[in-house]
Amino acid sequence: MASSRAKARGFGLRFEQFAEIAAALVRSSPDVIFGAGGDSAMHALKAATQTVPIVGGAEDMVASELVTALSRPGGNITGFSMPSPELDGKRLDILIEAVPSARRIATLADLTQTPQSHIKALQEAARTRQVELSVFGVARPDEIASATDAAKTSGAQAVNVLASSLLSANRRLVIERMTALRLPAIYQWPEIADEGGEVSLGGKWLELSRRSRPGSSGPQ
């Protein structure tokens, strides 16, 4: 079990801050570092310690060289892979179904965390569906409002909000901007839909996290 001194940290961090936070977590001598999400956070933790057990998730735990295999991770890291590119394509289908007249769809993404390969896969998915996809990137909370305004000005008729710690931490602002601009939006985490986001497609973060804990059904 994790140490009673464990603290939740990391939402909204810039890329260069992950190493600092990872080092601080390791210095606190936890029994387990639990709940880390995303390639950047996981690689920072891997670099910070090879002994403290780490449980978390990334786009592809194996391809990112965080684990040898999900069934036999090796080392001190275990967790789950999140097939975000595939799910984002399915979210695109849901947006097109929800707004059949939409021919311009925007993607709101934290480009400091979202790999370019992920963006390219989503753009290709849009092309095969005969939809024009525009990407609006943010790196700080104060860029969210201007990015959503730019999406509306561009003629976007719906928005695919990609998962990131920054956008999750500022989800209330994202939801409020989409509502004010009358832009249908879809999110990865169901928790965001529960808080007022229009629709989501993906597993619940807390449930994924529980399944990754020792004694659960194992990594997914």
C-alpha atoms as a PDB file:
ATOM      1  CA  MET A   1       0.000   0.000   0.000  1.00  0.00           C
ATOM      2  CA  ALA A   2       1.057   3.567  -0.554  1.00  0.00           C
ATOM      3  CA  SER A   3       2.588   5.558   2.255  1.00  0.00           C
ATOM      4  CA  SER A   4       0.201   7.658   4.360  1.00  0.00           C
ATOM      5  CA  ARG A   5       2.324  10.641   3.352  1.00  0.00           C
ATOM      6  CA  ALA A   6       1.371  10.274  -0.320  1.00  0.00           C
ATOM      7  CA  LYS A   7       0.100  13.402  -2.045  1.00  0.00           C
ATOM      8  CA  ALA A   8      -1.675  13.928  -5.360  1.00  0.00           C
ATOM      9  CA  ARG A   9       0.318  16.258  -7.585  1.00  0.00           C
ATOM     10  CA  GLY A  10       0.847  16.927 -11.263  1.00  0.00           C
ATOM     11  CA  PHE A  11      -2.257  18.418 -12.882  1.00  0.00           C
ATOM     12  CA  GLY A  12      -1.508  21.260 -15.247  1.00  0.00           C
ATOM     13  CA  LEU A  13       2.265  20.899 -15.143  1.00  0.00           C
ATOM     14  CA  ARG A  14       4.474  22.101 -17.956  1.00  0.00           C
ATOM     15  CA  PHE A  15       6.681  19.445 -19.547  1.00  0.00           C
ATOM     16  CA  GLU A  16       9.862  20.707 -17.879  1.00  0.00           C
ATOM     17  CA  GLN A  17       8.270  20.469 -14.420  1.00  0.00           C
ATOM     18  CA  PHE A  18       7.686  16.721 -14.482  1.00  0.00           C
ATOM     19  CA  ALA A  19      11.301  15.843 -13.638  1.00  0.00           C
ATOM     20  CA  GLU A  20      11.259  18.212 -10.651  1.00  0.00           C
ATOM     21  CA  ILE A  21       8.003  16.801  -9.286  1.00  0.00           C
ATOM     22  CA  ALA A  22       9.110  13.213  -9.901  1.00  0.00           C
ATOM     23  CA  ALA A  23      12.322  13.804  -7.953  1.00  0.00           C
ATOM     24  CA  ALA A  24      10.360  15.388  -5.094  1.00  0.00           C
ATOM     25  CA  LEU A  25       7.996  12.417  -4.952  1.00  0.00           C
ATOM     26  CA  VAL A  26      10.896   9.973  -4.782  1.00  0.00           C
ATOM     27  CA  ARG A  27      12.599  12.015  -2.036  1.00  0.00           C
ATOM     28  CA  SER A  28       9.443  11.709   0.074  1.00  0.00           C
ATOM     29  CA  SER A  29      10.200   7.947   0.334  1.00  0.00           C
ATOM     30  CA  PRO A  30       6.771   6.594  -0.658  1.00  0.00           C
ATOM     31  CA  ASP A  31       6.007   2.895  -0.668  1.00  0.00           C
ATOM     32  CA  VAL A  32       4.284   3.275  -4.043  1.00  0.00           C
ATOM     33  CA  ILE A  33       3.818   6.111  -6.530  1.00  0.00           C
ATOM     34  CA  PHE A  34       0.282   5.621  -7.765  1.00  0.00           C
ATOM     35  CA  GLY A  35      -1.926   7.316 -10.331  1.00  0.00           C
ATOM     36  CA  ALA A  36       0.654   8.796 -12.707  1.00  0.00           C
ATOM     37  CA  GLY A  37      -0.829   9.360 -16.144  1.00  0.00           C
ATOM     38  CA  GLY A  38       0.705  10.203 -19.505  1.00  0.00           C
ATOM     39  CA  ASP A  39       3.988   9.461 -21.231  1.00  0.00           C
ATOM     40  CA  SER A  40       5.797  12.555 -19.907  1.00  0.00           C
ATOM     41  CA  ALA A  41       4.936  11.872 -16.270  1.00  0.00           C
ATOM     42  CA  MET A  42       5.754   8.192 -16.513  1.00  0.00           C
ATOM     43  CA  HIS A  43       9.132   8.746 -18.175  1.00  0.00           C
ATOM     44  CA  ALA A  44      10.024  11.369 -15.571  1.00  0.00           C
ATOM     45  CA  LEU A  45       9.225   8.906 -12.798  1.00  0.00           C
ATOM     46  CA  LYS A  46      11.144   6.116 -14.522  1.00  0.00           C
ATOM     47  CA  ALA A  47      14.201   8.380 -14.712  1.00  0.00           C
ATOM     48  CA  ALA A  48      13.818   9.365 -11.056  1.00  0.00           C
ATOM     49  CA  THR A  49      13.736   5.869  -9.546  1.00  0.00           C
ATOM     50  CA  GLN A  50      14.337   2.264 -10.462  1.00  0.00           C
ATOM     51  CA  THR A  51      13.278   0.929  -7.064  1.00  0.00           C
ATOM     52  CA  VAL A  52      10.030   2.590  -5.914  1.00  0.00           C
ATOM     53  CA  PRO A  53       7.021   0.795  -7.456  1.00  0.00           C
ATOM     54  CA  ILE A  54       5.164   3.005  -9.962  1.00  0.00           C
ATOM     55  CA  VAL A  55       1.583   2.390 -11.112  1.00  0.00           C
ATOM     56  CA  GLY A  56       0.136   4.487 -13.922  1.00  0.00           C
ATOM     57  CA  GLY A  57      -0.816   4.738 -17.555  1.00  0.00           C
ATOM     58  CA  ALA A  58       0.535   5.958 -20.887  1.00  0.00           C
ATOM     59  CA  GLU A  59      -0.448   5.931 -24.550  1.00  0.00           C
ATOM     60  CA  ASP A  60       1.364   2.638 -25.090  1.00  0.00           C
ATOM     61  CA  MET A  61       3.332   1.299 -22.157  1.00  0.00           C
ATOM     62  CA  VAL A  62       5.289  -1.164 -24.306  1.00  0.00           C
ATOM     63  CA  ALA A  63       6.011   1.066 -27.322  1.00  0.00           C
ATOM     64  CA  SER A  64       7.085   3.845 -24.941  1.00  0.00           C
ATOM     65  CA  GLU A  65       9.585   1.390 -23.405  1.00  0.00           C
ATOM     66  CA  LEU A  66       8.115   1.859 -19.947  1.00  0.00           C
ATOM     67  CA  VAL A  67       7.490  -1.885 -19.556  1.00  0.00           C
ATOM     68  CA  THR A  68       8.621  -5.013 -21.373  1.00  0.00           C
ATOM     69  CA  ALA A  69       5.058  -6.349 -21.619  1.00  0.00           C
ATOM     70  CA  LEU A  70       1.780  -5.555 -19.874  1.00  0.00           C
ATOM     71  CA  SER A  71       1.484  -9.132 -18.578  1.00  0.00           C
ATOM     72  CA  ARG A  72       5.114  -9.195 -17.368  1.00  0.00           C
ATOM     73  CA  PRO A  73       6.178  -5.564 -16.935  1.00  0.00           C
ATOM     74  CA  GLY A  74       9.618  -6.161 -15.437  1.00  0.00           C
ATOM     75  CA  GLY A  75      11.367  -3.430 -13.467  1.00  0.00           C
ATOM     76  CA  ASN A  76       9.427  -1.242 -11.044  1.00  0.00           C
ATOM     77  CA  ILE A  77       6.619   0.004 -13.347  1.00  0.00           C
ATOM     78  CA  THR A  78       3.180  -1.444 -14.034  1.00  0.00           C
ATOM     79  CA  GLY A  79      -0.159  -0.066 -15.223  1.00  0.00           C
ATOM     80  CA  PHE A  80      -2.221   0.194 -18.370  1.00  0.00           C
ATOM     81  CA  SER A  81      -2.069   1.486 -21.925  1.00  0.00           C
ATOM     82  CA  MET A  82      -4.620   4.033 -23.100  1.00  0.00           C
ATOM     83  CA  PRO A  83      -5.404   3.648 -26.855  1.00  0.00           C
ATOM     84  CA  SER A  84      -6.125   7.363 -27.219  1.00  0.00           C
ATOM     85  CA  PRO A  85      -5.619   7.664 -31.010  1.00  0.00           C
ATOM     86  CA  GLU A  86      -8.138   4.885 -31.661  1.00  0.00           C
ATOM     87  CA  LEU A  87     -10.605   6.331 -29.164  1.00  0.00           C
ATOM     88  CA  ASP A  88     -10.206   9.828 -30.600  1.00  0.00           C
ATOM     89  CA  GLY A  89     -11.233   8.438 -33.994  1.00  0.00           C
ATOM     90  CA  LYS A  90     -14.328   6.940 -32.403  1.00  0.00           C
ATOM     91  CA  ARG A  91     -15.051  10.272 -30.716  1.00  0.00           C
ATOM     92  CA  LEU A  92     -14.814  11.909 -34.120  1.00  0.00           C
ATOM     93  CA  ASP A  93     -17.479   9.496 -35.380  1.00  0.00           C
ATOM     94  CA  ILE A  94     -19.721  10.397 -32.449  1.00  0.00           C
ATOM     95  CA  LEU A  95     -19.338  14.124 -33.170  1.00  0.00           C
ATOM     96  CA  ILE A  96     -20.192  13.587 -36.846  1.00  0.00           C
ATOM     97  CA  GLU A  97     -23.232  11.544 -35.858  1.00  0.00           C
ATOM     98  CA  ALA A  98     -24.314  14.163 -33.312  1.00  0.00           C
ATOM     99  CA  VAL A  99     -23.792  17.056 -35.756  1.00  0.00           C
ATOM    100  CA  PRO A 100     -24.433  15.504 -39.211  1.00  0.00           C
ATOM    101  CA  SER A 101     -23.940  18.827 -41.004  1.00  0.00           C
ATOM    102  CA  ALA A 102     -20.492  19.342 -39.495  1.00  0.00           C
ATOM    103  CA  ARG A 103     -17.708  19.537 -42.054  1.00  0.00           C
ATOM    104  CA  ARG A 104     -15.295  21.464 -39.841  1.00  0.00           C
ATOM    105  CA  ILE A 105     -14.273  20.017 -36.505  1.00  0.00           C
ATOM    106  CA  ALA A 106     -11.707  21.437 -34.104  1.00  0.00           C
ATOM    107  CA  THR A 107      -9.354  19.561 -31.828  1.00  0.00           C
ATOM    108  CA  LEU A 108      -8.295  21.190 -28.550  1.00  0.00           C
ATOM    109  CA  ALA A 109      -4.980  19.723 -27.428  1.00  0.00           C
ATOM    110  CA  ASP A 110      -2.061  20.336 -25.114  1.00  0.00           C
ATOM    111  CA  LEU A 111       0.695  20.049 -27.694  1.00  0.00           C
ATOM    112  CA  THR A 112       3.376  19.850 -24.987  1.00  0.00           C
ATOM    113  CA  GLN A 113       1.978  16.428 -24.044  1.00  0.00           C
ATOM    114  CA  THR A 114       0.123  15.133 -27.114  1.00  0.00           C
ATOM    115  CA  PRO A 115       2.540  13.414 -29.539  1.00  0.00           C
ATOM    116  CA  GLN A 116       2.590  14.656 -33.150  1.00  0.00           C
ATOM    117  CA  SER A 117       1.987  11.072 -34.253  1.00  0.00           C
ATOM    118  CA  HIS A 118      -1.288  11.203 -32.313  1.00  0.00           C
ATOM    119  CA  ILE A 119      -2.332  14.420 -34.069  1.00  0.00           C
ATOM    120  CA  LYS A 120      -1.418  13.028 -37.503  1.00  0.00           C
ATOM    121  CA  ALA A 121      -3.460   9.889 -36.870  1.00  0.00           C
ATOM    122  CA  LEU A 122      -6.473  11.994 -35.937  1.00  0.00           C
ATOM    123  CA  GLN A 123      -6.071  14.216 -39.020  1.00  0.00           C
ATOM    124  CA  GLU A 124      -5.920  11.135 -41.236  1.00  0.00           C
ATOM    125  CA  ALA A 125      -9.064   9.802 -39.581  1.00  0.00           C
ATOM    126  CA  ALA A 126     -10.804  13.098 -40.332  1.00  0.00           C
ATOM    127  CA  ARG A 127      -9.728  12.994 -43.990  1.00  0.00           C
ATOM    128  CA  THR A 128     -11.175   9.517 -44.447  1.00  0.00           C
ATOM    129  CA  ARG A 129     -14.452  10.864 -43.062  1.00  0.00           C
ATOM    130  CA  GLN A 130     -14.365  13.880 -45.405  1.00  0.00           C
ATOM    131  CA  VAL A 131     -14.132  16.312 -42.493  1.00  0.00           C
ATOM    132  CA  GLU A 132     -11.764  19.275 -42.166  1.00  0.00           C
ATOM    133  CA  LEU A 133      -9.913  19.067 -38.862  1.00  0.00           C
ATOM    134  CA  SER A 134      -8.161  22.069 -37.297  1.00  0.00           C
ATOM    135  CA  VAL A 135      -5.887  21.720 -34.273  1.00  0.00           C
ATOM    136  CA  PHE A 136      -5.834  24.428 -31.601  1.00  0.00           C
ATOM    137  CA  GLY A 137      -2.991  23.946 -29.173  1.00  0.00           C
ATOM    138  CA  VAL A 138      -2.592  25.237 -25.641  1.00  0.00           C
ATOM    139  CA  ALA A 139       0.321  25.080 -23.229  1.00  0.00           C
ATOM    140  CA  ARG A 140      -0.994  27.193 -20.330  1.00  0.00           C
ATOM    141  CA  PRO A 141      -4.394  27.743 -18.695  1.00  0.00           C
ATOM    142  CA  ASP A 142      -4.538  31.357 -19.926  1.00  0.00           C
ATOM    143  CA  GLU A 143      -4.453  30.098 -23.526  1.00  0.00           C
ATOM    144  CA  ILE A 144      -7.634  28.019 -23.269  1.00  0.00           C
ATOM    145  CA  ALA A 145     -10.137  30.835 -23.784  1.00  0.00           C
ATOM    146  CA  SER A 146      -8.332  32.257 -26.810  1.00  0.00           C
ATOM    147  CA  ALA A 147      -7.949  28.772 -28.338  1.00  0.00           C
ATOM    148  CA  THR A 148     -11.655  28.007 -28.007  1.00  0.00           C
ATOM    149  CA  ASP A 149     -12.529  31.445 -29.410  1.00  0.00           C
ATOM    150  CA  ALA A 150     -10.224  30.775 -32.362  1.00  0.00           C
ATOM    151  CA  ALA A 151     -11.916  27.420 -32.950  1.00  0.00           C
ATOM    152  CA  LYS A 152     -15.299  29.115 -33.103  1.00  0.00           C
ATOM    153  CA  THR A 153     -14.001  31.873 -35.387  1.00  0.00           C
ATOM    154  CA  SER A 154     -12.525  29.263 -37.744  1.00  0.00           C
ATOM    155  CA  GLY A 155     -15.988  27.903 -38.385  1.00  0.00           C
ATOM    156  CA  ALA A 156     -15.654  24.736 -36.344  1.00  0.00           C
ATOM    157  CA  GLN A 157     -19.012  23.137 -35.632  1.00  0.00           C
ATOM    158  CA  ALA A 158     -17.844  20.760 -32.907  1.00  0.00           C
ATOM    159  CA  VAL A 159     -14.739  20.124 -30.783  1.00  0.00           C
ATOM    160  CA  ASN A 160     -12.822  16.983 -29.858  1.00  0.00           C
ATOM    161  CA  VAL A 161     -11.071  17.763 -26.554  1.00  0.00           C
ATOM    162  CA  LEU A 162      -8.011  15.545 -26.190  1.00  0.00           C
ATOM    163  CA  ALA A 163      -6.972  14.266 -22.788  1.00  0.00           C
ATOM    164  CA  SER A 164      -4.150  16.001 -20.916  1.00  0.00           C
ATOM    165  CA  SER A 165      -3.368  16.977 -17.339  1.00  0.00           C
ATOM    166  CA  LEU A 166      -3.661  20.667 -18.274  1.00  0.00           C
ATOM    167  CA  LEU A 167      -7.109  20.381 -19.843  1.00  0.00           C
ATOM    168  CA  SER A 168      -8.329  18.041 -17.103  1.00  0.00           C
ATOM    169  CA  ALA A 169      -7.213  20.446 -14.385  1.00  0.00           C
ATOM    170  CA  ASN A 170      -9.004  23.294 -16.177  1.00  0.00           C
ATOM    171  CA  ARG A 171     -12.045  21.307 -17.291  1.00  0.00           C
ATOM    172  CA  ARG A 172     -14.515  23.750 -15.739  1.00  0.00           C
ATOM    173  CA  LEU A 173     -13.128  26.536 -17.925  1.00  0.00           C
ATOM    174  CA  VAL A 174     -13.214  24.299 -21.009  1.00  0.00           C
ATOM    175  CA  ILE A 175     -16.830  23.288 -20.350  1.00  0.00           C
ATOM    176  CA  GLU A 176     -17.861  26.910 -19.734  1.00  0.00           C
ATOM    177  CA  ARG A 177     -16.208  28.107 -22.964  1.00  0.00           C
ATOM    178  CA  MET A 178     -17.853  25.363 -25.038  1.00  0.00           C
ATOM    179  CA  THR A 179     -21.240  26.206 -23.538  1.00  0.00           C
ATOM    180  CA  ALA A 180     -20.814  29.947 -24.088  1.00  0.00           C
ATOM    181  CA  LEU A 181     -19.720  29.420 -27.702  1.00  0.00           C
ATOM    182  CA  ARG A 182     -22.459  26.826 -28.336  1.00  0.00           C
ATOM    183  CA  LEU A 183     -19.915  24.278 -29.536  1.00  0.00           C
ATOM    184  CA  PRO A 184     -20.774  20.590 -29.077  1.00  0.00           C
ATOM    185  CA  ALA A 185     -17.758  18.898 -27.510  1.00  0.00           C
ATOM    186  CA  ILE A 186     -16.624  15.400 -26.628  1.00  0.00           C
ATOM    187  CA  TYR A 187     -14.114  14.432 -23.946  1.00  0.00           C
ATOM    188  CA  GLN A 188     -12.089  11.343 -23.031  1.00  0.00           C
ATOM    189  CA  TRP A 189     -12.947  10.998 -19.357  1.00  0.00           C
ATOM    190  CA  PRO A 190     -16.572  10.262 -18.308  1.00  0.00           C
ATOM    191  CA  GLU A 191     -15.925  12.239 -15.127  1.00  0.00           C
ATOM    192  CA  ILE A 192     -15.865  15.405 -17.260  1.00  0.00           C
ATOM    193  CA  ALA A 193     -19.274  14.590 -18.757  1.00  0.00           C
ATOM    194  CA  ASP A 194     -20.532  14.008 -15.208  1.00  0.00           C
ATOM    195  CA  GLU A 195     -19.426  17.554 -14.376  1.00  0.00           C
ATOM    196  CA  GLY A 196     -21.314  19.170 -17.254  1.00  0.00           C
ATOM    197  CA  GLY A 197     -19.375  18.248 -20.380  1.00  0.00           C
ATOM    198  CA  GLU A 198     -21.706  17.262 -23.194  1.00  0.00           C
ATOM    199  CA  VAL A 199     -20.506  13.733 -23.958  1.00  0.00           C
ATOM    200  CA  SER A 200     -17.488  11.484 -23.410  1.00  0.00           C
ATOM    201  CA  LEU A 201     -16.068   8.191 -24.593  1.00  0.00           C
ATOM    202  CA  GLY A 202     -13.485   6.332 -22.560  1.00  0.00           C
ATOM    203  CA  GLY A 203     -12.919   4.513 -19.320  1.00  0.00           C
ATOM    204  CA  LYS A 204     -13.237   6.282 -16.006  1.00  0.00           C
ATOM    205  CA  TRP A 205      -9.818   7.296 -14.693  1.00  0.00           C
ATOM    206  CA  LEU A 206     -10.600   6.193 -11.143  1.00  0.00           C
ATOM    207  CA  GLU A 207     -11.808   2.802 -12.359  1.00  0.00           C
ATOM    208  CA  LEU A 208      -8.730   2.316 -14.541  1.00  0.00           C
ATOM    209  CA  SER A 209      -6.587   3.269 -11.580  1.00  0.00           C
ATOM    210  CA  ARG A 210      -8.337   0.799  -9.269  1.00  0.00           C
ATOM    211  CA  ARG A 211      -7.777  -2.018 -11.772  1.00  0.00           C
ATOM    212  CA  SER A 212      -4.076  -1.266 -11.770  1.00  0.00           C
ATOM    213  CA  ARG A 213      -3.712  -1.652  -8.021  1.00  0.00           C
ATOM    214  CA  PRO A 214      -2.087  -4.748  -6.532  1.00  0.00           C
ATOM    215  CA  GLY A 215      -4.736  -7.384  -5.880  1.00  0.00           C
ATOM    216  CA  SER A 216      -7.028  -6.146  -8.647  1.00  0.00           C
ATOM    217  CA  SER A 217      -7.782  -7.881 -11.939  1.00  0.00           C
ATOM    218  CA  GLY A 218      -4.450  -6.533 -13.256  1.00  0.00           C
ATOM    219  CA  PRO A 219      -3.283  -4.055 -15.871  1.00  0.00           C
ATOM    220  CA  GLN A 220      -5.578  -3.396 -18.797  1.00  0.00           C
END
